[in-house]
């Protein structure tokens, strides 16, 4: 089967990423991250084996959908853990100035924005 012929069957796997967002968040909040991770590893293994052994395009599509759903769950959990432990956002001052200015002291697109004055940079260094 050619790659082009498989695209319609892989699309459900891609859609699973978006469709599983709410149940994954609810499950991680109500249960435990460790439990969800165990489900992921068992599920992704079983889904991968089932997809490998598939004989028809419909079986391939179902396997890819299951893989997409399990990958989404783990991605969500990793971001939740990062947010709770080290955070994934920059400070408000850095948001206002821009990360290029905060980290490098330069603007990414100087023709579109004004450079911050020394007071802004001093406030950034205090954060």
N, C-alpha and C. Protein backbone atom coordinates (compact mmCIF):
# COMPACT_ATOMS: atom_id res chain seq x y z
N UNK A 1 0.85 -1.18 0.00
CA UNK A 1 0.00 0.00 0.00
C UNK A 1 0.90 1.24 0.00
N UNK A 2 0.61 2.19 -0.85
CA UNK A 2 1.45 3.38 -0.95
C UNK A 2 1.16 4.35 0.20
N UNK A 3 2.09 5.29 0.37
CA UNK A 3 1.92 6.29 1.43
C UNK A 3 0.67 7.12 1.19
N UNK A 4 0.43 7.51 -0.03
CA UNK A 4 -0.75 8.33 -0.35
C UNK A 4 -2.04 7.60 -0.03
N UNK A 5 -2.05 6.30 -0.23
CA UNK A 5 -3.26 5.52 0.07
C UNK A 5 -3.49 5.39 1.58
N UNK A 6 -2.44 5.51 2.39
CA UNK A 6 -2.58 5.40 3.85
C UNK A 6 -3.03 6.69 4.52
N UNK A 7 -2.89 7.83 3.86
CA UNK A 7 -3.22 9.13 4.48
C UNK A 7 -4.66 9.18 4.99
N UNK A 8 -5.66 8.74 4.22
CA UNK A 8 -7.03 8.79 4.76
C UNK A 8 -7.22 7.92 6.00
N UNK A 9 -6.43 6.89 6.13
CA UNK A 9 -6.56 6.00 7.29
C UNK A 9 -5.79 6.54 8.50
N UNK A 10 -4.78 7.37 8.26
CA UNK A 10 -4.01 7.96 9.37
C UNK A 10 -4.71 9.18 9.95
N UNK A 11 -5.58 9.80 9.18
CA UNK A 11 -6.26 11.01 9.65
C UNK A 11 -6.99 10.82 10.98
N UNK A 12 -7.66 9.70 11.23
CA UNK A 12 -8.28 9.52 12.55
C UNK A 12 -7.27 9.58 13.70
N UNK A 13 -6.06 9.09 13.47
CA UNK A 13 -5.03 9.18 14.50
C UNK A 13 -4.66 10.62 14.80
N UNK A 14 -4.60 11.43 13.77
CA UNK A 14 -4.32 12.84 13.98
C UNK A 14 -5.47 13.53 14.72
N UNK A 15 -6.68 13.15 14.37
CA UNK A 15 -7.86 13.74 15.01
C UNK A 15 -7.93 13.35 16.49
N UNK A 16 -7.40 12.19 16.85
CA UNK A 16 -7.45 11.72 18.23
C UNK A 16 -6.71 12.67 19.16
N UNK A 17 -5.67 13.34 18.66
CA UNK A 17 -4.94 14.28 19.50
C UNK A 17 -5.89 15.36 20.04
N UNK A 18 -6.72 15.90 19.19
CA UNK A 18 -7.64 16.94 19.62
C UNK A 18 -8.85 16.42 20.37
N UNK A 19 -9.36 15.29 19.95
CA UNK A 19 -10.57 14.75 20.56
C UNK A 19 -10.35 14.25 22.00
N UNK A 20 -9.14 13.88 22.32
CA UNK A 20 -8.88 13.29 23.64
C UNK A 20 -8.40 14.31 24.66
N UNK A 21 -8.40 15.57 24.34
CA UNK A 21 -7.87 16.58 25.25
C UNK A 21 -8.65 16.65 26.57
N UNK A 22 -9.94 16.77 26.49
CA UNK A 22 -10.74 16.91 27.71
C UNK A 22 -10.75 15.65 28.57
N UNK A 23 -10.94 14.48 28.00
CA UNK A 23 -10.89 13.29 28.86
C UNK A 23 -9.51 13.07 29.49
N UNK A 24 -8.45 13.39 28.79
CA UNK A 24 -7.11 13.20 29.35
C UNK A 24 -6.88 14.13 30.54
N UNK A 25 -7.26 15.37 30.41
CA UNK A 25 -7.11 16.31 31.53
C UNK A 25 -7.96 15.92 32.72
N UNK A 26 -9.19 15.51 32.45
CA UNK A 26 -10.08 15.09 33.53
C UNK A 26 -9.52 13.88 34.25
N UNK A 27 -9.04 12.90 33.48
CA UNK A 27 -8.51 11.68 34.08
C UNK A 27 -7.26 11.97 34.92
N UNK A 28 -6.38 12.81 34.43
CA UNK A 28 -5.16 13.13 35.19
C UNK A 28 -5.50 13.88 36.47
N UNK A 29 -6.52 14.74 36.43
CA UNK A 29 -6.93 15.48 37.63
C UNK A 29 -7.62 14.58 38.64
N UNK A 30 -8.48 13.68 38.18
CA UNK A 30 -9.28 12.86 39.08
C UNK A 30 -8.54 11.63 39.60
N UNK A 31 -7.63 11.13 38.81
CA UNK A 31 -6.94 9.90 39.19
C UNK A 31 -5.52 10.24 39.58
N UNK A 32 -4.53 9.74 38.87
CA UNK A 32 -3.14 10.07 39.17
C UNK A 32 -2.33 10.08 37.89
N UNK A 33 -1.28 10.86 37.89
CA UNK A 33 -0.42 10.89 36.71
C UNK A 33 0.26 9.55 36.49
N UNK A 34 0.67 8.92 37.59
CA UNK A 34 1.34 7.62 37.47
C UNK A 34 0.41 6.58 36.85
N UNK A 35 -0.84 6.57 37.27
CA UNK A 35 -1.81 5.64 36.72
C UNK A 35 -2.05 5.87 35.24
N UNK A 36 -2.13 7.13 34.86
CA UNK A 36 -2.34 7.45 33.46
C UNK A 36 -1.11 7.04 32.64
N UNK A 37 0.08 7.18 33.19
CA UNK A 37 1.30 6.76 32.49
C UNK A 37 1.33 5.24 32.28
N UNK A 38 0.89 4.49 33.28
CA UNK A 38 0.84 3.03 33.13
C UNK A 38 -0.13 2.67 32.01
N UNK A 39 -1.28 3.31 32.01
CA UNK A 39 -2.25 3.06 30.94
C UNK A 39 -1.63 3.40 29.59
N UNK A 40 -0.87 4.50 29.53
CA UNK A 40 -0.26 4.89 28.26
C UNK A 40 0.69 3.81 27.75
N UNK A 41 1.61 3.37 28.61
CA UNK A 41 2.61 2.42 28.13
C UNK A 41 1.99 1.09 27.72
N UNK A 42 1.01 0.64 28.44
CA UNK A 42 0.32 -0.60 28.04
C UNK A 42 -0.46 -0.36 26.75
N UNK A 43 -1.16 0.75 26.69
CA UNK A 43 -1.98 1.06 25.51
C UNK A 43 -1.17 1.30 24.26
N UNK A 44 -0.08 2.05 24.38
CA UNK A 44 0.72 2.34 23.18
C UNK A 44 1.40 1.06 22.68
N UNK A 45 1.81 0.20 23.61
CA UNK A 45 2.41 -1.07 23.19
C UNK A 45 1.41 -1.95 22.47
N UNK A 46 0.22 -2.10 23.05
CA UNK A 46 -0.81 -2.93 22.43
C UNK A 46 -1.25 -2.34 21.09
N UNK A 47 -1.38 -1.03 21.02
CA UNK A 47 -1.80 -0.38 19.77
C UNK A 47 -0.74 -0.56 18.69
N UNK A 48 0.52 -0.43 19.06
CA UNK A 48 1.59 -0.59 18.08
C UNK A 48 1.65 -2.02 17.55
N UNK A 49 1.50 -2.99 18.44
CA UNK A 49 1.50 -4.39 18.00
C UNK A 49 0.30 -4.67 17.11
N UNK A 50 -0.88 -4.17 17.51
CA UNK A 50 -2.08 -4.40 16.70
C UNK A 50 -1.96 -3.75 15.32
N UNK A 51 -1.37 -2.56 15.26
CA UNK A 51 -1.20 -1.89 13.97
C UNK A 51 -0.21 -2.64 13.10
N UNK A 52 0.84 -3.16 13.71
CA UNK A 52 1.83 -3.93 12.95
C UNK A 52 1.22 -5.19 12.36
N UNK A 53 0.32 -5.82 13.07
CA UNK A 53 -0.29 -7.07 12.61
C UNK A 53 -1.54 -6.85 11.75
N UNK A 54 -1.90 -5.60 11.48
CA UNK A 54 -3.12 -5.30 10.73
C UNK A 54 -3.02 -5.83 9.30
N UNK A 55 -4.15 -6.28 8.79
CA UNK A 55 -4.22 -6.81 7.42
C UNK A 55 -5.05 -5.94 6.48
N UNK A 56 -5.94 -5.12 7.04
CA UNK A 56 -6.81 -4.31 6.19
C UNK A 56 -6.60 -2.83 6.51
N UNK A 57 -6.97 -1.96 5.60
CA UNK A 57 -6.85 -0.53 5.86
C UNK A 57 -7.64 -0.07 7.08
N UNK A 58 -8.79 -0.67 7.33
CA UNK A 58 -9.59 -0.29 8.50
C UNK A 58 -8.86 -0.65 9.79
N UNK A 59 -8.23 -1.81 9.84
CA UNK A 59 -7.45 -2.19 11.01
C UNK A 59 -6.27 -1.25 11.23
N UNK A 60 -5.63 -0.85 10.14
CA UNK A 60 -4.52 0.12 10.23
C UNK A 60 -5.05 1.43 10.79
N UNK A 61 -6.19 1.89 10.29
CA UNK A 61 -6.77 3.16 10.76
C UNK A 61 -7.10 3.09 12.24
N UNK A 62 -7.68 2.00 12.70
CA UNK A 62 -8.00 1.85 14.12
C UNK A 62 -6.74 1.84 14.98
N UNK A 63 -5.70 1.15 14.52
CA UNK A 63 -4.44 1.12 15.26
C UNK A 63 -3.80 2.49 15.34
N UNK A 64 -3.78 3.21 14.24
CA UNK A 64 -3.20 4.55 14.23
C UNK A 64 -4.01 5.51 15.09
N UNK A 65 -5.34 5.35 15.10
CA UNK A 65 -6.17 6.19 15.96
C UNK A 65 -5.83 5.93 17.43
N UNK A 66 -5.67 4.68 17.80
CA UNK A 66 -5.33 4.34 19.19
C UNK A 66 -3.96 4.88 19.56
N UNK A 67 -2.99 4.78 18.66
CA UNK A 67 -1.66 5.34 18.93
C UNK A 67 -1.76 6.84 19.12
N UNK A 68 -2.51 7.52 18.27
CA UNK A 68 -2.68 8.97 18.40
C UNK A 68 -3.30 9.36 19.73
N UNK A 69 -4.29 8.59 20.17
CA UNK A 69 -4.94 8.88 21.45
C UNK A 69 -3.96 8.72 22.61
N UNK A 70 -3.20 7.65 22.62
CA UNK A 70 -2.25 7.43 23.71
C UNK A 70 -1.12 8.45 23.71
N UNK A 71 -0.63 8.81 22.53
CA UNK A 71 0.43 9.83 22.47
C UNK A 71 -0.09 11.17 22.98
N UNK A 72 -1.33 11.48 22.66
CA UNK A 72 -1.89 12.74 23.16
C UNK A 72 -1.93 12.75 24.68
N UNK A 73 -2.35 11.64 25.29
CA UNK A 73 -2.42 11.57 26.75
C UNK A 73 -1.05 11.84 27.38
N UNK A 74 -0.02 11.23 26.85
CA UNK A 74 1.31 11.42 27.43
C UNK A 74 1.80 12.85 27.21
N UNK A 75 1.58 13.41 26.03
CA UNK A 75 1.99 14.79 25.79
C UNK A 75 1.32 15.74 26.78
N UNK A 76 0.05 15.54 27.00
CA UNK A 76 -0.67 16.37 27.95
C UNK A 76 -0.08 16.24 29.34
N UNK A 77 0.20 15.03 29.76
CA UNK A 77 0.74 14.82 31.10
C UNK A 77 2.12 15.44 31.26
N UNK A 78 2.96 15.35 30.24
CA UNK A 78 4.29 15.97 30.32
C UNK A 78 4.16 17.47 30.50
N UNK A 79 3.28 18.10 29.74
CA UNK A 79 3.09 19.55 29.89
C UNK A 79 2.52 19.92 31.25
N UNK A 80 1.61 19.10 31.76
CA UNK A 80 1.07 19.35 33.10
C UNK A 80 2.15 19.26 34.16
N UNK A 81 3.01 18.26 34.06
CA UNK A 81 4.09 18.10 35.03
C UNK A 81 5.06 19.28 34.92
N UNK A 82 5.42 19.67 33.72
CA UNK A 82 6.31 20.82 33.55
C UNK A 82 5.71 22.09 34.13
N UNK A 83 4.42 22.30 33.89
CA UNK A 83 3.75 23.50 34.40
C UNK A 83 3.73 23.51 35.93
N UNK A 84 3.48 22.37 36.54
CA UNK A 84 3.40 22.29 38.00
C UNK A 84 4.78 22.36 38.66
N UNK A 85 5.83 21.89 38.00
CA UNK A 85 7.15 21.85 38.63
C UNK A 85 7.98 23.09 38.32
N UNK A 86 8.34 23.31 37.06
CA UNK A 86 9.23 24.43 36.74
C UNK A 86 8.51 25.57 36.02
N UNK A 87 7.31 25.34 35.56
CA UNK A 87 6.56 26.37 34.85
C UNK A 87 7.01 26.45 33.39
N UNK A 88 6.10 26.85 32.54
CA UNK A 88 6.40 26.93 31.12
C UNK A 88 6.23 28.35 30.57
N UNK A 89 5.93 29.29 31.44
CA UNK A 89 5.74 30.68 31.00
C UNK A 89 6.87 31.55 31.54
N UNK A 90 7.13 32.60 30.81
CA UNK A 90 8.11 33.58 31.26
C UNK A 90 7.41 34.62 32.13
N UNK A 91 8.20 35.47 32.81
CA UNK A 91 7.60 36.48 33.67
C UNK A 91 6.85 37.52 32.84
N UNK A 92 6.01 38.28 33.51
CA UNK A 92 5.21 39.30 32.82
C UNK A 92 6.09 40.37 32.17
N UNK A 93 7.19 40.71 32.84
CA UNK A 93 8.11 41.71 32.28
C UNK A 93 8.72 41.19 30.99
N UNK A 94 9.12 39.93 30.98
CA UNK A 94 9.70 39.35 29.77
C UNK A 94 8.65 39.28 28.67
N UNK A 95 7.40 38.97 29.01
CA UNK A 95 6.34 38.96 28.01
C UNK A 95 6.17 40.33 27.37
N UNK A 96 6.21 41.37 28.19
CA UNK A 96 6.02 42.71 27.66
C UNK A 96 7.19 43.14 26.78
N UNK A 97 8.42 42.83 27.20
CA UNK A 97 9.59 43.24 26.43
C UNK A 97 9.87 42.33 25.25
N UNK A 98 9.53 41.06 25.39
CA UNK A 98 9.85 40.06 24.38
C UNK A 98 11.07 39.27 24.82
N UNK A 99 11.09 38.00 24.48
CA UNK A 99 12.18 37.14 24.93
C UNK A 99 13.51 37.48 24.27
N UNK A 100 13.50 37.93 23.03
CA UNK A 100 14.76 38.30 22.40
C UNK A 100 15.43 39.45 23.15
N UNK A 101 14.64 40.42 23.55
CA UNK A 101 15.18 41.55 24.30
C UNK A 101 15.65 41.08 25.67
N UNK A 102 14.86 40.26 26.33
CA UNK A 102 15.19 39.82 27.68
C UNK A 102 16.43 38.95 27.72
N UNK A 103 16.56 38.03 26.78
CA UNK A 103 17.66 37.09 26.81
C UNK A 103 18.91 37.58 26.09
N UNK A 104 18.73 38.29 24.97
CA UNK A 104 19.86 38.69 24.15
C UNK A 104 20.13 40.19 24.12
N UNK A 105 19.15 40.97 24.56
CA UNK A 105 19.30 42.41 24.53
C UNK A 105 19.09 43.01 23.15
N UNK A 106 18.49 42.25 22.23
CA UNK A 106 18.22 42.75 20.88
C UNK A 106 16.78 42.44 20.52
N UNK A 107 16.28 43.10 19.49
CA UNK A 107 14.94 42.84 18.98
C UNK A 107 15.02 41.90 17.79
N UNK A 108 14.08 40.99 17.69
CA UNK A 108 14.06 40.07 16.56
C UNK A 108 13.71 40.80 15.27
N UNK A 109 12.80 41.75 15.35
CA UNK A 109 12.36 42.52 14.19
C UNK A 109 12.47 44.00 14.52
N UNK A 110 13.67 44.57 14.50
CA UNK A 110 13.84 45.95 14.95
C UNK A 110 13.10 46.96 14.08
N UNK A 111 12.81 46.62 12.84
CA UNK A 111 12.10 47.56 11.98
C UNK A 111 10.63 47.72 12.37
N UNK A 112 10.11 46.81 13.21
CA UNK A 112 8.71 46.86 13.61
C UNK A 112 8.50 47.33 15.04
N UNK A 113 9.54 47.33 15.87
CA UNK A 113 9.36 47.65 17.28
C UNK A 113 10.45 48.60 17.76
N UNK A 114 10.12 49.32 18.81
CA UNK A 114 11.11 50.19 19.44
C UNK A 114 11.89 49.40 20.47
N UNK A 115 13.16 49.72 20.63
CA UNK A 115 13.97 49.07 21.66
C UNK A 115 13.57 49.61 23.02
N UNK A 116 13.63 48.79 24.06
CA UNK A 116 13.30 49.28 25.41
C UNK A 116 14.38 50.22 25.91
N UNK A 117 13.98 51.11 26.78
CA UNK A 117 14.98 52.00 27.36
C UNK A 117 15.70 51.30 28.51
N UNK A 118 16.69 51.95 29.08
CA UNK A 118 17.51 51.36 30.13
C UNK A 118 16.70 51.01 31.38
N UNK A 119 15.65 51.78 31.69
CA UNK A 119 14.82 51.49 32.86
C UNK A 119 14.10 50.14 32.70
N UNK A 120 13.62 49.84 31.49
CA UNK A 120 12.96 48.56 31.25
C UNK A 120 13.95 47.41 31.42
N UNK A 121 15.14 47.58 30.89
CA UNK A 121 16.15 46.53 31.00
C UNK A 121 16.59 46.34 32.45
N UNK A 122 16.69 47.43 33.21
CA UNK A 122 17.04 47.32 34.62
C UNK A 122 15.96 46.57 35.40
N UNK A 123 14.69 46.84 35.09
CA UNK A 123 13.59 46.14 35.75
C UNK A 123 13.62 44.65 35.40
N UNK A 124 14.00 44.35 34.19
CA UNK A 124 14.10 42.96 33.76
C UNK A 124 15.22 42.24 34.53
N UNK A 125 16.32 42.88 34.75
CA UNK A 125 17.44 42.26 35.46
C UNK A 125 17.09 41.98 36.93
N UNK A 126 16.18 42.79 37.49
CA UNK A 126 15.77 42.57 38.89
C UNK A 126 14.86 41.34 38.98
N UNK A 127 14.11 41.03 37.90
CA UNK A 127 13.21 39.86 37.92
C UNK A 127 14.03 38.65 37.88
